[in-house]
Amino acid sequence: MANRSYLYSADSMPNEAELPRRIRCVSEHSGDVPLAHKLMAGRGTTIVPSMIWNPPIGIAAEYAEGAALLRELLRVVGEGLEDDAEFAECVARTTAHLEKQRAGYAVLETGEIVSMTGDDPVASVRRLVSEDIPGAVARAEAAIAGRDDAWLASVRADWQRHFASFYAEALYFSFPG
């Protein structure tokens, strides 16, 4: 089984007492935390209790703002991929699913990914929240503003790794109700 990053949406943030109300599956990505997941977790980012694992390694953020940033980056990436039907289909599928699964919060679960390194999972998630996610957001904002063409070209050249995640209503870890 491949280790995955999981993205959910929820009407409330996870807390020590209970799971959020109405958890919706958004996507899962094998092997790493893709750029799309980092951007979805990039606004109002905070560490929360995990909905899947025991350590406090969940990441929650403002869903609408993260989705808007992701959609805007997809638009800019697409400006160099106008003739790529596969990319256009990926964008259509992604944006439709993001709208369908919309909620107040994005919840990113990276436990399987951060456990692969042998490092402390709590420290790894702190690094994601303090360095990796803000760094991805800053690069995306710069590219959208036309100030980081080299990074944008690299994302465009390898768009599948960044955006072609599995989007579905049921993921490997799904929640009842």
N, C-alpha and C. Protein backbone atom coordinates (compact mmCIF):
# COMPACT_ATOMS: atom_id res chain seq x y z
N MET A 1 0.85 -1.18 0.00
CA MET A 1 0.00 0.00 0.00
C MET A 1 0.89 1.24 0.00
N ALA A 2 0.54 2.19 -0.81
CA ALA A 2 1.27 3.46 -0.86
C ALA A 2 0.86 4.35 0.29
N ASN A 3 1.81 5.10 0.81
CA ASN A 3 1.48 6.08 1.82
C ASN A 3 0.85 7.28 1.14
N ARG A 4 -0.15 7.85 1.79
CA ARG A 4 -0.94 8.90 1.16
C ARG A 4 -1.10 10.12 2.05
N SER A 5 -1.36 11.23 1.39
CA SER A 5 -1.81 12.46 2.02
C SER A 5 -3.32 12.51 1.77
N TYR A 6 -4.10 12.84 2.79
CA TYR A 6 -5.56 12.87 2.67
C TYR A 6 -6.07 14.27 2.92
N LEU A 7 -7.02 14.71 2.09
CA LEU A 7 -7.63 16.02 2.24
C LEU A 7 -9.13 15.85 2.41
N TYR A 8 -9.65 16.47 3.45
CA TYR A 8 -11.09 16.43 3.76
C TYR A 8 -11.60 17.85 3.89
N SER A 9 -12.91 17.97 3.92
CA SER A 9 -13.54 19.24 4.30
C SER A 9 -14.48 18.93 5.45
N ALA A 10 -14.69 19.92 6.30
CA ALA A 10 -15.54 19.72 7.47
C ALA A 10 -16.18 21.03 7.87
N ASP A 11 -17.31 20.93 8.55
CA ASP A 11 -18.03 22.12 9.00
C ASP A 11 -17.43 22.73 10.27
N SER A 12 -16.60 21.95 10.97
CA SER A 12 -15.91 22.46 12.16
C SER A 12 -14.52 21.85 12.18
N MET A 13 -13.64 22.43 13.00
CA MET A 13 -12.28 21.90 13.12
C MET A 13 -12.27 20.69 14.05
N PRO A 14 -11.37 19.74 13.79
CA PRO A 14 -11.19 18.66 14.75
C PRO A 14 -10.75 19.22 16.09
N ASN A 15 -11.21 18.61 17.18
CA ASN A 15 -10.74 19.00 18.50
C ASN A 15 -10.57 17.76 19.35
N GLU A 16 -10.07 17.92 20.55
CA GLU A 16 -9.78 16.78 21.43
C GLU A 16 -11.04 16.00 21.80
N ALA A 17 -12.20 16.66 21.82
CA ALA A 17 -13.43 16.04 22.31
C ALA A 17 -14.16 15.21 21.25
N GLU A 18 -14.10 15.67 19.97
CA GLU A 18 -14.91 14.97 18.97
C GLU A 18 -14.41 15.26 17.56
N LEU A 19 -14.86 14.41 16.65
CA LEU A 19 -14.60 14.66 15.24
C LEU A 19 -15.45 15.83 14.77
N PRO A 20 -15.04 16.48 13.71
CA PRO A 20 -15.85 17.58 13.18
C PRO A 20 -17.22 17.09 12.72
N ARG A 21 -18.12 18.05 12.63
CA ARG A 21 -19.42 17.74 12.04
C ARG A 21 -19.25 17.57 10.54
N ARG A 22 -19.94 16.64 9.99
CA ARG A 22 -20.02 16.39 8.55
C ARG A 22 -18.66 16.48 7.85
N ILE A 23 -17.93 15.40 7.90
CA ILE A 23 -16.64 15.29 7.22
C ILE A 23 -16.89 14.80 5.80
N ARG A 24 -16.33 15.52 4.82
CA ARG A 24 -16.46 15.14 3.42
C ARG A 24 -15.08 14.78 2.87
N CYS A 25 -15.01 13.75 2.08
CA CYS A 25 -13.76 13.36 1.44
C CYS A 25 -13.51 14.26 0.24
N VAL A 26 -12.29 14.75 0.14
CA VAL A 26 -11.92 15.58 -1.00
C VAL A 26 -10.94 14.82 -1.90
N SER A 27 -9.74 14.51 -1.39
CA SER A 27 -8.79 13.79 -2.25
C SER A 27 -7.72 13.09 -1.43
N GLU A 28 -7.05 12.18 -2.11
CA GLU A 28 -5.86 11.53 -1.53
C GLU A 28 -4.80 11.51 -2.61
N HIS A 29 -3.54 11.53 -2.16
CA HIS A 29 -2.42 11.57 -3.09
C HIS A 29 -1.33 10.64 -2.57
N SER A 30 -0.86 9.74 -3.41
CA SER A 30 0.15 8.76 -3.02
C SER A 30 1.55 9.35 -3.03
N GLY A 31 2.32 9.01 -2.01
CA GLY A 31 3.75 9.27 -2.00
C GLY A 31 4.25 10.55 -1.39
N ASP A 32 3.43 11.60 -1.38
CA ASP A 32 3.87 12.86 -0.78
C ASP A 32 2.66 13.76 -0.54
N VAL A 33 2.94 14.95 -0.04
CA VAL A 33 1.90 15.96 0.12
C VAL A 33 2.00 16.86 -1.11
N PRO A 34 1.05 16.75 -2.04
CA PRO A 34 1.17 17.51 -3.28
C PRO A 34 0.93 19.00 -3.07
N LEU A 35 1.35 19.77 -4.05
CA LEU A 35 1.16 21.21 -4.02
C LEU A 35 -0.31 21.56 -3.81
N ALA A 36 -1.22 20.86 -4.48
CA ALA A 36 -2.65 21.16 -4.34
C ALA A 36 -3.10 21.04 -2.88
N HIS A 37 -2.65 20.02 -2.16
CA HIS A 37 -3.03 19.87 -0.75
C HIS A 37 -2.42 20.97 0.10
N LYS A 38 -1.18 21.35 -0.20
CA LYS A 38 -0.54 22.43 0.56
C LYS A 38 -1.30 23.74 0.37
N LEU A 39 -1.72 24.02 -0.85
CA LEU A 39 -2.46 25.26 -1.09
C LEU A 39 -3.82 25.23 -0.42
N MET A 40 -4.48 24.09 -0.44
CA MET A 40 -5.79 23.98 0.24
C MET A 40 -5.64 24.20 1.74
N ALA A 41 -4.48 23.88 2.29
CA ALA A 41 -4.23 24.06 3.72
C ALA A 41 -3.46 25.35 4.00
N GLY A 42 -3.44 26.28 3.04
CA GLY A 42 -2.56 27.42 3.12
C GLY A 42 -3.11 28.70 3.69
N ARG A 43 -4.35 28.75 4.06
CA ARG A 43 -4.94 29.98 4.60
C ARG A 43 -5.54 29.70 5.99
N GLY A 44 -5.08 30.43 6.97
CA GLY A 44 -5.57 30.20 8.34
C GLY A 44 -5.11 28.86 8.89
N THR A 45 -3.91 28.46 8.51
CA THR A 45 -3.37 27.14 8.83
C THR A 45 -3.13 26.97 10.33
N THR A 46 -3.57 25.83 10.85
CA THR A 46 -3.33 25.53 12.26
C THR A 46 -3.21 24.02 12.45
N ILE A 47 -2.45 23.62 13.44
CA ILE A 47 -2.33 22.20 13.78
C ILE A 47 -3.49 21.84 14.70
N VAL A 48 -4.12 20.71 14.40
CA VAL A 48 -5.27 20.22 15.16
C VAL A 48 -5.08 18.74 15.45
N PRO A 49 -5.89 18.18 16.36
CA PRO A 49 -5.82 16.73 16.56
C PRO A 49 -6.13 16.00 15.25
N SER A 50 -5.42 14.94 15.00
CA SER A 50 -5.69 14.14 13.81
C SER A 50 -7.02 13.42 13.96
N MET A 51 -7.72 13.28 12.84
CA MET A 51 -8.97 12.52 12.83
C MET A 51 -8.69 11.03 12.64
N ILE A 52 -7.43 10.68 12.32
CA ILE A 52 -7.07 9.31 12.00
C ILE A 52 -6.07 8.73 12.98
N TRP A 53 -5.05 9.50 13.36
CA TRP A 53 -3.97 9.01 14.19
C TRP A 53 -3.98 9.69 15.56
N ASN A 54 -3.25 9.12 16.51
CA ASN A 54 -3.23 9.64 17.87
C ASN A 54 -2.46 10.94 18.07
N PRO A 55 -1.28 11.10 17.48
CA PRO A 55 -0.57 12.37 17.74
C PRO A 55 -1.34 13.56 17.19
N PRO A 56 -1.06 14.75 17.70
CA PRO A 56 -1.71 15.97 17.18
C PRO A 56 -1.05 16.39 15.87
N ILE A 57 -1.39 15.66 14.80
CA ILE A 57 -0.71 15.89 13.52
C ILE A 57 -1.70 16.22 12.39
N GLY A 58 -2.90 16.66 12.73
CA GLY A 58 -3.82 17.12 11.70
C GLY A 58 -3.53 18.58 11.38
N ILE A 59 -3.92 19.00 10.20
CA ILE A 59 -3.74 20.39 9.79
C ILE A 59 -5.10 20.88 9.29
N ALA A 60 -5.55 22.00 9.83
CA ALA A 60 -6.83 22.58 9.39
C ALA A 60 -6.58 23.98 8.85
N ALA A 61 -7.45 24.40 7.94
CA ALA A 61 -7.31 25.72 7.32
C ALA A 61 -8.67 26.15 6.78
N GLU A 62 -8.72 27.37 6.30
CA GLU A 62 -9.96 27.92 5.75
C GLU A 62 -10.16 27.38 4.34
N TYR A 63 -11.23 26.62 4.14
CA TYR A 63 -11.46 25.92 2.89
C TYR A 63 -11.63 26.87 1.70
N ALA A 64 -12.51 27.83 1.81
CA ALA A 64 -12.82 28.69 0.66
C ALA A 64 -11.58 29.44 0.16
N GLU A 65 -10.76 29.92 1.09
CA GLU A 65 -9.58 30.68 0.70
C GLU A 65 -8.53 29.78 0.05
N GLY A 66 -8.36 28.57 0.59
CA GLY A 66 -7.42 27.63 -0.02
C GLY A 66 -7.88 27.19 -1.40
N ALA A 67 -9.18 26.93 -1.53
CA ALA A 67 -9.72 26.52 -2.83
C ALA A 67 -9.57 27.64 -3.86
N ALA A 68 -9.78 28.88 -3.45
CA ALA A 68 -9.62 30.01 -4.37
C ALA A 68 -8.18 30.13 -4.84
N LEU A 69 -7.23 29.95 -3.94
CA LEU A 69 -5.81 30.01 -4.31
C LEU A 69 -5.47 28.88 -5.28
N LEU A 70 -5.94 27.68 -5.00
CA LEU A 70 -5.68 26.55 -5.89
C LEU A 70 -6.29 26.78 -7.27
N ARG A 71 -7.53 27.23 -7.32
CA ARG A 71 -8.17 27.50 -8.61
C ARG A 71 -7.41 28.56 -9.41
N GLU A 72 -6.94 29.59 -8.73
CA GLU A 72 -6.21 30.66 -9.42
C GLU A 72 -4.87 30.14 -9.96
N LEU A 73 -4.18 29.30 -9.19
CA LEU A 73 -2.93 28.75 -9.69
C LEU A 73 -3.20 27.81 -10.86
N LEU A 74 -4.25 27.01 -10.78
CA LEU A 74 -4.60 26.13 -11.91
C LEU A 74 -4.87 26.95 -13.17
N ARG A 75 -5.51 28.09 -13.01
CA ARG A 75 -5.78 28.96 -14.16
C ARG A 75 -4.47 29.42 -14.80
N VAL A 76 -3.53 29.87 -13.96
CA VAL A 76 -2.25 30.39 -14.47
C VAL A 76 -1.42 29.26 -15.08
N VAL A 77 -1.39 28.11 -14.43
CA VAL A 77 -0.67 26.96 -14.99
C VAL A 77 -1.27 26.60 -16.35
N GLY A 78 -2.59 26.64 -16.44
CA GLY A 78 -3.28 26.30 -17.68
C GLY A 78 -2.99 27.24 -18.83
N GLU A 79 -2.54 28.44 -18.54
CA GLU A 79 -2.21 29.39 -19.60
C GLU A 79 -1.07 28.89 -20.47
N GLY A 80 -0.30 27.96 -19.98
CA GLY A 80 0.77 27.37 -20.78
C GLY A 80 0.45 25.97 -21.25
N LEU A 81 -0.76 25.51 -20.95
CA LEU A 81 -1.15 24.14 -21.32
C LEU A 81 -2.49 24.12 -22.05
N GLU A 82 -2.74 25.14 -22.85
CA GLU A 82 -4.04 25.28 -23.52
C GLU A 82 -4.40 24.08 -24.38
N ASP A 83 -3.41 23.40 -24.96
CA ASP A 83 -3.68 22.27 -25.85
C ASP A 83 -3.61 20.92 -25.15
N ASP A 84 -3.48 20.92 -23.84
CA ASP A 84 -3.37 19.67 -23.08
C ASP A 84 -4.74 19.26 -22.55
N ALA A 85 -5.41 18.35 -23.24
CA ALA A 85 -6.76 17.92 -22.86
C ALA A 85 -6.77 17.22 -21.50
N GLU A 86 -5.71 16.50 -21.19
CA GLU A 86 -5.63 15.80 -19.90
C GLU A 86 -5.59 16.81 -18.75
N PHE A 87 -4.82 17.88 -18.93
CA PHE A 87 -4.77 18.92 -17.90
C PHE A 87 -6.15 19.58 -17.76
N ALA A 88 -6.78 19.91 -18.86
CA ALA A 88 -8.10 20.54 -18.82
C ALA A 88 -9.11 19.65 -18.10
N GLU A 89 -9.06 18.36 -18.35
CA GLU A 89 -9.96 17.42 -17.66
C GLU A 89 -9.67 17.37 -16.17
N CYS A 90 -8.38 17.36 -15.81
CA CYS A 90 -7.98 17.36 -14.40
C CYS A 90 -8.51 18.61 -13.70
N VAL A 91 -8.37 19.76 -14.33
CA VAL A 91 -8.84 21.02 -13.73
C VAL A 91 -10.36 20.99 -13.57
N ALA A 92 -11.07 20.54 -14.59
CA ALA A 92 -12.54 20.49 -14.51
C ALA A 92 -12.99 19.56 -13.40
N ARG A 93 -12.39 18.38 -13.32
CA ARG A 93 -12.74 17.40 -12.29
C ARG A 93 -12.42 17.95 -10.89
N THR A 94 -11.25 18.53 -10.75
CA THR A 94 -10.81 19.06 -9.46
C THR A 94 -11.71 20.19 -9.00
N THR A 95 -11.95 21.17 -9.85
CA THR A 95 -12.75 22.33 -9.43
C THR A 95 -14.19 21.94 -9.14
N ALA A 96 -14.76 21.02 -9.91
CA ALA A 96 -16.13 20.56 -9.64
C ALA A 96 -16.20 19.85 -8.29
N HIS A 97 -15.20 19.02 -8.00
CA HIS A 97 -15.21 18.29 -6.73
C HIS A 97 -14.98 19.23 -5.55
N LEU A 98 -14.11 20.21 -5.71
CA LEU A 98 -13.88 21.18 -4.64
C LEU A 98 -15.16 21.93 -4.32
N GLU A 99 -15.91 22.29 -5.33
CA GLU A 99 -17.18 22.99 -5.12
C GLU A 99 -18.20 22.08 -4.43
N LYS A 100 -18.26 20.85 -4.87
CA LYS A 100 -19.23 19.88 -4.32
C LYS A 100 -18.94 19.57 -2.85
N GLN A 101 -17.68 19.49 -2.48
CA GLN A 101 -17.30 19.11 -1.12
C GLN A 101 -17.02 20.32 -0.23
N ARG A 102 -17.42 21.47 -0.66
CA ARG A 102 -17.17 22.73 0.05
C ARG A 102 -17.68 22.68 1.49
N ALA A 103 -16.90 23.27 2.39
CA ALA A 103 -17.25 23.37 3.81
C ALA A 103 -16.43 24.52 4.40
N GLY A 104 -16.55 24.72 5.67
CA GLY A 104 -15.82 25.80 6.32
C GLY A 104 -14.32 25.57 6.42
N TYR A 105 -13.93 24.32 6.56
CA TYR A 105 -12.53 24.01 6.82
C TYR A 105 -12.01 22.91 5.91
N ALA A 106 -10.77 23.04 5.52
CA ALA A 106 -10.02 21.96 4.89
C ALA A 106 -9.24 21.28 6.01
N VAL A 107 -9.21 19.96 6.00
CA VAL A 107 -8.46 19.21 7.00
C VAL A 107 -7.50 18.29 6.25
N LEU A 108 -6.22 18.51 6.46
CA LEU A 108 -5.16 17.75 5.80
C LEU A 108 -4.58 16.75 6.78
N GLU A 109 -4.59 15.49 6.37
CA GLU A 109 -4.02 14.41 7.18
C GLU A 109 -2.79 13.87 6.46
N THR A 110 -1.64 14.01 7.10
CA THR A 110 -0.37 13.63 6.47
C THR A 110 0.37 12.55 7.26
N GLY A 111 -0.31 11.89 8.18
CA GLY A 111 0.34 10.92 9.07
C GLY A 111 1.12 9.84 8.35
N GLU A 112 0.57 9.30 7.27
CA GLU A 112 1.28 8.25 6.53
C GLU A 112 2.55 8.81 5.88
N ILE A 113 2.48 10.04 5.40
CA ILE A 113 3.62 10.64 4.72
C ILE A 113 4.72 11.00 5.71
N VAL A 114 4.36 11.67 6.81
CA VAL A 114 5.39 12.10 7.76
C VAL A 114 5.99 10.91 8.51
N SER A 115 5.31 9.78 8.53
CA SER A 115 5.85 8.59 9.19
C SER A 115 6.88 7.87 8.34
N MET A 116 6.95 8.18 7.06
CA MET A 116 7.89 7.50 6.15
C MET A 116 9.34 7.87 6.42
N THR A 117 9.59 9.04 6.98
CA THR A 117 10.95 9.53 7.11
C THR A 117 11.68 9.00 8.34
N GLY A 118 10.95 8.52 9.32
CA GLY A 118 11.57 8.12 10.56
C GLY A 118 11.74 9.27 11.53
N ASP A 119 11.45 10.50 11.07
CA ASP A 119 11.49 11.67 11.95
C ASP A 119 10.25 11.67 12.85
N ASP A 120 10.28 12.49 13.87
CA ASP A 120 9.14 12.64 14.75
C ASP A 120 7.96 13.21 13.96
N PRO A 121 6.82 12.51 13.88
CA PRO A 121 5.68 13.01 13.09
C PRO A 121 5.19 14.37 13.55
N VAL A 122 5.19 14.64 14.84
CA VAL A 122 4.73 15.94 15.35
C VAL A 122 5.65 17.05 14.85
N ALA A 123 6.95 16.84 14.91
CA ALA A 123 7.91 17.83 14.42
C ALA A 123 7.78 18.00 12.91
N SER A 124 7.54 16.90 12.20
CA SER A 124 7.38 16.98 10.74
C SER A 124 6.16 17.81 10.36
N VAL A 125 5.07 17.63 11.08
CA VAL A 125 3.86 18.42 10.80
C VAL A 125 4.09 19.88 11.16
N ARG A 126 4.79 20.13 12.24
CA ARG A 126 5.11 21.53 12.59
C ARG A 126 5.92 22.19 11.47
N ARG A 127 6.85 21.43 10.89
CA ARG A 127 7.67 21.95 9.79
C ARG A 127 6.79 22.19 8.55
N LEU A 128 5.86 21.29 8.28
CA LEU A 128 4.92 21.50 7.17
C LEU A 128 4.16 22.81 7.35
N VAL A 129 3.67 23.04 8.57
CA VAL A 129 2.85 24.22 8.86
C VAL A 129 3.68 25.50 8.90
N SER A 130 4.90 25.42 9.39
CA SER A 130 5.70 26.64 9.54
C SER A 130 6.57 26.96 8.33
N GLU A 131 6.90 25.96 7.50
CA GLU A 131 7.81 26.19 6.38
C GLU A 131 7.23 25.77 5.04
N ASP A 132 6.86 24.50 4.90
CA ASP A 132 6.48 23.95 3.60
C ASP A 132 5.20 24.57 3.05
N ILE A 133 4.16 24.62 3.85
CA ILE A 133 2.89 25.18 3.37
C ILE A 133 3.02 26.67 3.09
N PRO A 134 3.56 27.47 4.02
CA PRO A 134 3.73 28.90 3.70
C PRO A 134 4.65 29.13 2.49
N GLY A 135 5.66 28.31 2.33
CA GLY A 135 6.54 28.43 1.18
C GLY A 135 5.81 28.16 -0.13
N ALA A 136 4.98 27.12 -0.14
CA ALA A 136 4.20 26.80 -1.34
C ALA A 136 3.21 27.92 -1.65
N VAL A 137 2.57 28.46 -0.63
CA VAL A 137 1.62 29.56 -0.82
C VAL A 137 2.34 30.78 -1.40
N ALA A 138 3.50 31.12 -0.85
CA ALA A 138 4.25 32.28 -1.32
C ALA A 138 4.68 32.11 -2.77
N ARG A 139 5.14 30.91 -3.14
CA ARG A 139 5.54 30.66 -4.53
C ARG A 139 4.34 30.76 -5.46
N ALA A 140 3.21 30.18 -5.04
CA ALA A 140 1.99 30.24 -5.86
C ALA A 140 1.53 31.68 -6.05
N GLU A 141 1.52 32.45 -4.97
CA GLU A 141 1.10 33.86 -5.07
C GLU A 141 2.02 34.64 -6.00
N ALA A 142 3.33 34.38 -5.89
CA ALA A 142 4.29 35.07 -6.76
C ALA A 142 4.07 34.67 -8.22
N ALA A 143 3.84 33.40 -8.48
CA ALA A 143 3.60 32.94 -9.85
C ALA A 143 2.32 33.54 -10.42
N ILE A 144 1.29 33.60 -9.62
CA ILE A 144 0.01 34.18 -10.05
C ILE A 144 0.21 35.66 -10.40
N ALA A 145 1.04 36.34 -9.63
CA ALA A 145 1.30 37.77 -9.86
C ALA A 145 2.33 38.01 -10.96
N GLY A 146 2.84 36.93 -11.57
CA GLY A 146 3.81 37.07 -12.65
C GLY A 146 5.22 37.33 -12.18
N ARG A 147 5.53 36.98 -10.92
CA ARG A 147 6.86 37.25 -10.36
C ARG A 147 7.72 36.00 -10.16
N ASP A 148 7.25 34.83 -10.63
CA ASP A 148 8.05 33.61 -10.47
C ASP A 148 7.80 32.67 -11.64
N ASP A 149 8.21 33.13 -12.83
CA ASP A 149 7.99 32.36 -14.04
C ASP A 149 8.75 31.04 -14.06
N ALA A 150 9.93 31.01 -13.47
CA ALA A 150 10.71 29.77 -13.46
C ALA A 150 10.01 28.69 -12.65
N TRP A 151 9.51 29.06 -11.47
CA TRP A 151 8.77 28.09 -10.65
C TRP A 151 7.50 27.66 -11.37
N LEU A 152 6.79 28.59 -11.96
CA LEU A 152 5.57 28.28 -12.70
C LEU A 152 5.86 27.30 -13.84
N ALA A 153 6.94 27.51 -14.55
CA ALA A 153 7.32 26.60 -15.63
C ALA A 153 7.60 25.20 -15.10
N SER A 154 8.24 25.12 -13.94
CA SER A 154 8.53 23.79 -13.36
C SER A 154 7.25 23.10 -12.92
N VAL A 155 6.30 23.84 -12.37
CA VAL A 155 5.01 23.26 -11.98
C VAL A 155 4.26 22.81 -13.23
N ARG A 156 4.27 23.61 -14.23
CA ARG A 156 3.59 23.30 -15.50
C ARG A 156 4.17 22.02 -16.11
N ALA A 157 5.50 21.89 -16.08
CA ALA A 157 6.17 20.73 -16.68
C ALA A 157 5.86 19.43 -15.95
N ASP A 158 5.52 19.52 -14.68
CA ASP A 158 5.27 18.32 -13.86
C ASP A 158 3.90 18.42 -13.18
N TRP A 159 2.90 18.93 -13.91
CA TRP A 159 1.60 19.23 -13.32
C TRP A 159 0.92 18.00 -12.71
N GLN A 160 1.15 16.82 -13.27
CA GLN A 160 0.50 15.62 -12.72
C GLN A 160 0.90 15.37 -11.27
N ARG A 161 2.17 15.56 -10.98
CA ARG A 161 2.67 15.34 -9.60
C ARG A 161 2.03 16.32 -8.62
N HIS A 162 1.73 17.52 -9.08
CA HIS A 162 1.19 18.56 -8.21
C HIS A 162 -0.33 18.56 -8.09
N PHE A 163 -1.02 18.14 -9.15
CA PHE A 163 -2.47 18.33 -9.20
C PHE A 163 -3.30 17.08 -9.49
N ALA A 164 -2.71 16.04 -10.03
CA ALA A 164 -3.49 14.87 -10.45
C ALA A 164 -3.68 13.87 -9.31
N SER A 165 -4.32 14.32 -8.25
CA SER A 165 -4.64 13.46 -7.11
C SER A 165 -5.94 12.71 -7.39
N PHE A 166 -6.26 11.78 -6.51
CA PHE A 166 -7.51 11.04 -6.60
C PHE A 166 -8.58 11.83 -5.85
N TYR A 167 -9.56 12.34 -6.58
CA TYR A 167 -10.66 13.11 -5.99
C TYR A 167 -11.90 12.22 -5.98
N ALA A 168 -12.48 12.02 -4.79
CA ALA A 168 -13.64 11.13 -4.69
C ALA A 168 -14.40 11.40 -3.40
N GLU A 169 -15.62 10.90 -3.35
CA GLU A 169 -16.45 11.02 -2.15
C GLU A 169 -16.09 10.00 -1.09
N ALA A 170 -15.31 8.99 -1.46
CA ALA A 170 -14.83 7.99 -0.51
C ALA A 170 -13.33 7.78 -0.75
N LEU A 171 -12.58 7.92 0.33
CA LEU A 171 -11.12 7.72 0.28
C LEU A 171 -10.78 6.50 1.10
N TYR A 172 -9.51 6.13 1.15
CA TYR A 172 -9.07 4.98 1.94
C TYR A 172 -9.54 5.13 3.39
N PHE A 173 -9.40 6.34 3.94
CA PHE A 173 -9.97 6.66 5.26
C PHE A 173 -11.18 7.54 5.03
N SER A 174 -12.36 7.00 5.21
CA SER A 174 -13.59 7.76 5.09
C SER A 174 -14.30 7.74 6.44
N PHE A 175 -15.24 8.65 6.62
CA PHE A 175 -15.93 8.77 7.90
C PHE A 175 -17.42 8.60 7.70
N PRO A 176 -18.08 7.88 8.61
CA PRO A 176 -19.53 7.67 8.46
C PRO A 176 -20.31 8.97 8.62
N GLY A 177 -21.47 9.00 7.97
CA GLY A 177 -22.42 10.11 8.15
C GLY A 177 -22.01 11.32 7.41
